[in-house]
């Protein structure tokens, strides 16, 4: 019912020219791309939960005295490192 009324804008930056190009070239969503996004999201979630548990237990076991109550949970997520890099990079630019 909605297949003919839903479109996707593809862009990988927030530069005005790129956004305008994406809006001028809308496409129909691709089912396989959508399913692959769902699969990546599920893998990222499962990996993040498993590795976060492992890290938390490891750091509690090996560094409890040094950490004290500072780190109750140590998390991991595939998106955290690139996001952290962008934040640190921007902070350094401002400084």
N, C-alpha and C. Protein backbone atom coordinates (compact mmCIF):
# COMPACT_ATOMS: atom_id res chain seq x y z
N UNK A 1 0.82 -1.20 0.00
CA UNK A 1 0.00 0.00 0.00
C UNK A 1 0.86 1.26 0.00
N UNK A 2 1.93 1.25 0.81
CA UNK A 2 2.78 2.43 0.91
C UNK A 2 3.99 2.37 -0.03
N UNK A 3 4.16 1.25 -0.73
CA UNK A 3 5.35 1.04 -1.55
C UNK A 3 5.57 2.17 -2.56
N UNK A 4 4.53 2.71 -3.11
CA UNK A 4 4.66 3.77 -4.12
C UNK A 4 4.79 5.16 -3.50
N UNK A 5 4.70 5.25 -2.17
CA UNK A 5 4.74 6.56 -1.54
C UNK A 5 5.91 6.74 -0.57
N UNK A 6 6.76 5.73 -0.43
CA UNK A 6 7.90 5.82 0.47
C UNK A 6 9.18 5.86 -0.36
N UNK A 7 10.03 6.85 -0.06
CA UNK A 7 11.27 7.02 -0.79
C UNK A 7 12.42 7.15 0.18
N UNK A 8 13.63 6.90 -0.32
CA UNK A 8 14.81 6.96 0.52
C UNK A 8 15.80 7.96 -0.05
N UNK A 9 16.33 8.81 0.83
CA UNK A 9 17.40 9.74 0.46
C UNK A 9 18.71 9.11 0.92
N UNK A 10 19.65 8.90 0.00
CA UNK A 10 20.94 8.30 0.35
C UNK A 10 22.00 9.39 0.44
N UNK A 11 22.62 9.52 1.62
CA UNK A 11 23.69 10.51 1.82
C UNK A 11 24.63 10.00 2.89
N UNK A 12 25.86 10.46 2.84
CA UNK A 12 26.83 10.02 3.84
C UNK A 12 27.53 11.20 4.52
N UNK A 13 27.07 12.41 4.25
CA UNK A 13 27.59 13.56 4.96
C UNK A 13 26.47 14.57 5.14
N UNK A 14 26.69 15.52 6.01
CA UNK A 14 25.67 16.54 6.28
C UNK A 14 25.99 17.86 5.59
N UNK A 15 26.83 17.81 4.58
CA UNK A 15 27.15 19.00 3.80
C UNK A 15 25.90 19.36 2.97
N UNK A 16 25.57 20.62 2.92
CA UNK A 16 24.34 21.06 2.26
C UNK A 16 24.23 20.54 0.83
N UNK A 17 25.31 20.59 0.07
CA UNK A 17 25.27 20.13 -1.33
C UNK A 17 24.94 18.64 -1.40
N UNK A 18 25.49 17.84 -0.49
CA UNK A 18 25.21 16.40 -0.48
C UNK A 18 23.76 16.12 -0.11
N UNK A 19 23.24 16.86 0.84
CA UNK A 19 21.84 16.68 1.24
C UNK A 19 20.89 17.08 0.11
N UNK A 20 21.20 18.18 -0.56
CA UNK A 20 20.36 18.62 -1.68
C UNK A 20 20.39 17.59 -2.81
N UNK A 21 21.57 17.03 -3.08
CA UNK A 21 21.70 16.00 -4.12
C UNK A 21 20.86 14.77 -3.74
N UNK A 22 20.92 14.36 -2.47
CA UNK A 22 20.16 13.20 -2.01
C UNK A 22 18.66 13.44 -2.14
N UNK A 23 18.21 14.63 -1.80
CA UNK A 23 16.77 14.94 -1.89
C UNK A 23 16.30 15.04 -3.34
N UNK A 24 17.21 15.42 -4.23
CA UNK A 24 16.85 15.53 -5.65
C UNK A 24 16.89 14.17 -6.34
N UNK A 25 17.48 13.17 -5.68
CA UNK A 25 17.62 11.84 -6.29
C UNK A 25 17.07 10.75 -5.37
N UNK A 26 15.84 10.91 -4.94
CA UNK A 26 15.21 9.93 -4.06
C UNK A 26 15.05 8.60 -4.79
N UNK A 27 15.11 7.51 -4.02
CA UNK A 27 14.94 6.18 -4.63
C UNK A 27 13.98 5.37 -3.77
N UNK A 28 13.53 4.27 -4.34
CA UNK A 28 12.64 3.35 -3.62
C UNK A 28 13.52 2.51 -2.69
N UNK A 29 13.11 2.29 -1.45
CA UNK A 29 13.89 1.47 -0.53
C UNK A 29 14.13 0.06 -1.10
N UNK A 30 15.31 -0.48 -0.82
CA UNK A 30 15.69 -1.80 -1.29
C UNK A 30 15.50 -2.78 -0.13
N UNK A 31 14.70 -3.82 -0.34
CA UNK A 31 14.40 -4.78 0.73
C UNK A 31 15.67 -5.47 1.23
N UNK A 32 16.56 -5.85 0.32
CA UNK A 32 17.80 -6.53 0.75
C UNK A 32 18.68 -5.62 1.60
N UNK A 33 18.78 -4.33 1.23
CA UNK A 33 19.55 -3.39 2.05
C UNK A 33 18.91 -3.25 3.42
N UNK A 34 17.62 -3.19 3.46
CA UNK A 34 16.92 -3.07 4.74
C UNK A 34 17.16 -4.29 5.62
N UNK A 35 17.10 -5.47 5.03
CA UNK A 35 17.35 -6.69 5.80
C UNK A 35 18.79 -6.77 6.29
N UNK A 36 19.73 -6.27 5.47
CA UNK A 36 21.14 -6.29 5.90
C UNK A 36 21.36 -5.33 7.06
N UNK A 37 20.66 -4.20 7.07
CA UNK A 37 20.75 -3.27 8.20
C UNK A 37 20.22 -3.93 9.47
N UNK A 38 19.11 -4.64 9.35
CA UNK A 38 18.57 -5.35 10.50
C UNK A 38 19.57 -6.38 11.03
N UNK A 39 20.22 -7.10 10.12
CA UNK A 39 21.20 -8.11 10.53
C UNK A 39 22.39 -7.46 11.24
N UNK A 40 22.91 -6.35 10.67
CA UNK A 40 24.04 -5.65 11.31
C UNK A 40 23.66 -5.14 12.69
N UNK A 41 22.45 -4.62 12.81
CA UNK A 41 22.00 -4.11 14.10
C UNK A 41 21.95 -5.23 15.14
N UNK A 42 21.44 -6.38 14.74
CA UNK A 42 21.36 -7.53 15.64
C UNK A 42 22.76 -8.02 16.04
N UNK A 43 23.66 -8.11 15.07
CA UNK A 43 25.04 -8.53 15.35
C UNK A 43 25.72 -7.54 16.29
N UNK A 44 25.56 -6.23 16.01
CA UNK A 44 26.17 -5.19 16.86
C UNK A 44 25.65 -5.29 18.29
N UNK A 45 24.35 -5.52 18.44
CA UNK A 45 23.76 -5.62 19.77
C UNK A 45 24.31 -6.83 20.51
N UNK A 46 24.30 -7.99 19.87
CA UNK A 46 24.77 -9.21 20.53
C UNK A 46 26.26 -9.13 20.87
N UNK A 47 27.05 -8.64 19.92
CA UNK A 47 28.48 -8.49 20.16
C UNK A 47 28.74 -7.50 21.29
N UNK A 48 28.02 -6.38 21.26
CA UNK A 48 28.19 -5.37 22.31
C UNK A 48 27.86 -5.89 23.69
N UNK A 49 26.77 -6.63 23.81
CA UNK A 49 26.37 -7.17 25.11
C UNK A 49 27.40 -8.19 25.60
N UNK A 50 27.79 -9.11 24.72
CA UNK A 50 28.74 -10.15 25.12
C UNK A 50 30.09 -9.55 25.51
N UNK A 51 30.62 -8.65 24.69
CA UNK A 51 31.93 -8.09 24.97
C UNK A 51 31.89 -7.16 26.18
N UNK A 52 30.78 -6.44 26.36
CA UNK A 52 30.65 -5.58 27.54
C UNK A 52 30.68 -6.40 28.82
N UNK A 53 29.99 -7.54 28.82
CA UNK A 53 30.01 -8.42 30.00
C UNK A 53 31.42 -8.91 30.26
N UNK A 54 32.10 -9.35 29.19
CA UNK A 54 33.47 -9.85 29.33
C UNK A 54 34.39 -8.77 29.89
N UNK A 55 34.35 -7.57 29.30
CA UNK A 55 35.22 -6.48 29.76
C UNK A 55 34.94 -6.10 31.20
N UNK A 56 33.67 -5.98 31.54
CA UNK A 56 33.31 -5.60 32.90
C UNK A 56 33.85 -6.60 33.90
N UNK A 57 33.65 -7.88 33.62
CA UNK A 57 34.14 -8.91 34.53
C UNK A 57 35.66 -8.90 34.59
N UNK A 58 36.32 -8.73 33.46
CA UNK A 58 37.79 -8.71 33.42
C UNK A 58 38.34 -7.55 34.24
N UNK A 59 37.80 -6.35 34.03
CA UNK A 59 38.30 -5.19 34.75
C UNK A 59 37.99 -5.26 36.24
N UNK A 60 36.83 -5.80 36.59
CA UNK A 60 36.52 -5.97 38.01
C UNK A 60 37.50 -6.94 38.67
N UNK A 61 37.85 -8.00 37.94
CA UNK A 61 38.75 -9.02 38.49
C UNK A 61 40.18 -8.51 38.60
N UNK A 62 40.67 -7.82 37.57
CA UNK A 62 42.08 -7.46 37.50
C UNK A 62 42.41 -6.04 38.00
N UNK A 63 41.44 -5.16 38.02
CA UNK A 63 41.73 -3.76 38.38
C UNK A 63 40.76 -3.18 39.40
N UNK A 64 40.18 -4.02 40.23
CA UNK A 64 39.20 -3.56 41.21
C UNK A 64 39.78 -2.51 42.15
N UNK A 65 41.00 -2.73 42.61
CA UNK A 65 41.62 -1.80 43.57
C UNK A 65 41.85 -0.44 42.93
N UNK A 66 42.31 -0.42 41.69
CA UNK A 66 42.59 0.84 41.02
C UNK A 66 41.31 1.59 40.63
N UNK A 67 40.29 0.85 40.23
CA UNK A 67 39.06 1.49 39.75
C UNK A 67 38.12 1.89 40.87
N UNK A 68 38.12 1.13 41.95
CA UNK A 68 37.18 1.42 43.03
C UNK A 68 35.76 1.32 42.51
N UNK A 69 34.99 2.36 42.75
CA UNK A 69 33.59 2.35 42.28
C UNK A 69 33.43 3.19 41.01
N UNK A 70 34.54 3.56 40.37
CA UNK A 70 34.46 4.40 39.17
C UNK A 70 33.79 3.70 38.00
N UNK A 71 34.09 2.43 37.81
CA UNK A 71 33.58 1.73 36.63
C UNK A 71 32.73 0.54 37.05
N UNK A 72 31.44 0.76 37.13
CA UNK A 72 30.54 -0.34 37.47
C UNK A 72 30.33 -1.24 36.27
N UNK A 73 30.27 -0.64 35.08
CA UNK A 73 30.10 -1.38 33.83
C UNK A 73 31.02 -0.78 32.79
N UNK A 74 31.71 -1.63 32.05
CA UNK A 74 32.56 -1.19 30.95
C UNK A 74 31.87 -1.64 29.68
N UNK A 75 31.45 -0.70 28.86
CA UNK A 75 30.68 -1.06 27.68
C UNK A 75 31.52 -1.03 26.42
N UNK A 76 31.04 -1.78 25.45
CA UNK A 76 31.66 -1.81 24.13
C UNK A 76 30.55 -1.77 23.09
N UNK A 77 30.78 -1.02 22.05
CA UNK A 77 29.87 -1.00 20.91
C UNK A 77 30.64 -0.61 19.68
N UNK A 78 30.39 -1.26 18.55
CA UNK A 78 31.14 -0.96 17.33
C UNK A 78 31.06 0.51 16.93
N UNK A 79 30.03 1.21 17.35
CA UNK A 79 29.90 2.62 16.97
C UNK A 79 30.58 3.55 17.97
N UNK A 80 30.92 3.05 19.14
CA UNK A 80 31.47 3.93 20.18
C UNK A 80 32.84 4.49 19.81
N UNK A 81 33.71 3.67 19.25
CA UNK A 81 35.07 4.13 18.95
C UNK A 81 35.09 5.22 17.87
N UNK A 82 34.41 5.03 16.74
CA UNK A 82 34.40 6.13 15.76
C UNK A 82 33.76 7.39 16.32
N UNK A 83 32.70 7.25 17.09
CA UNK A 83 32.04 8.41 17.68
C UNK A 83 32.97 9.12 18.65
N UNK A 84 33.66 8.34 19.48
CA UNK A 84 34.63 8.92 20.41
C UNK A 84 35.72 9.66 19.65
N UNK A 85 36.20 9.08 18.54
CA UNK A 85 37.24 9.73 17.74
C UNK A 85 36.75 11.08 17.24
N UNK A 86 35.53 11.14 16.71
CA UNK A 86 34.98 12.41 16.23
C UNK A 86 34.91 13.44 17.34
N UNK A 87 34.49 13.02 18.52
CA UNK A 87 34.37 13.95 19.65
C UNK A 87 35.75 14.47 20.07
N UNK A 88 36.73 13.57 20.19
CA UNK A 88 38.07 13.98 20.59
C UNK A 88 38.70 14.87 19.52
N UNK A 89 38.52 14.49 18.26
CA UNK A 89 39.06 15.27 17.15
C UNK A 89 38.49 16.70 17.17
N UNK A 90 37.19 16.81 17.36
CA UNK A 90 36.54 18.12 17.41
C UNK A 90 37.02 18.93 18.62
N UNK A 91 37.17 18.26 19.75
CA UNK A 91 37.67 18.95 20.95
C UNK A 91 39.07 19.51 20.69
N UNK A 92 39.94 18.70 20.05
CA UNK A 92 41.29 19.16 19.74
C UNK A 92 41.28 20.33 18.77
N UNK A 93 40.36 20.32 17.81
CA UNK A 93 40.25 21.45 16.87
C UNK A 93 39.86 22.73 17.61
N UNK A 94 38.98 22.62 18.57
CA UNK A 94 38.51 23.79 19.31
C UNK A 94 39.64 24.33 20.19
N UNK A 95 40.41 23.42 20.79
CA UNK A 95 41.51 23.84 21.66
C UNK A 95 42.58 24.55 20.84
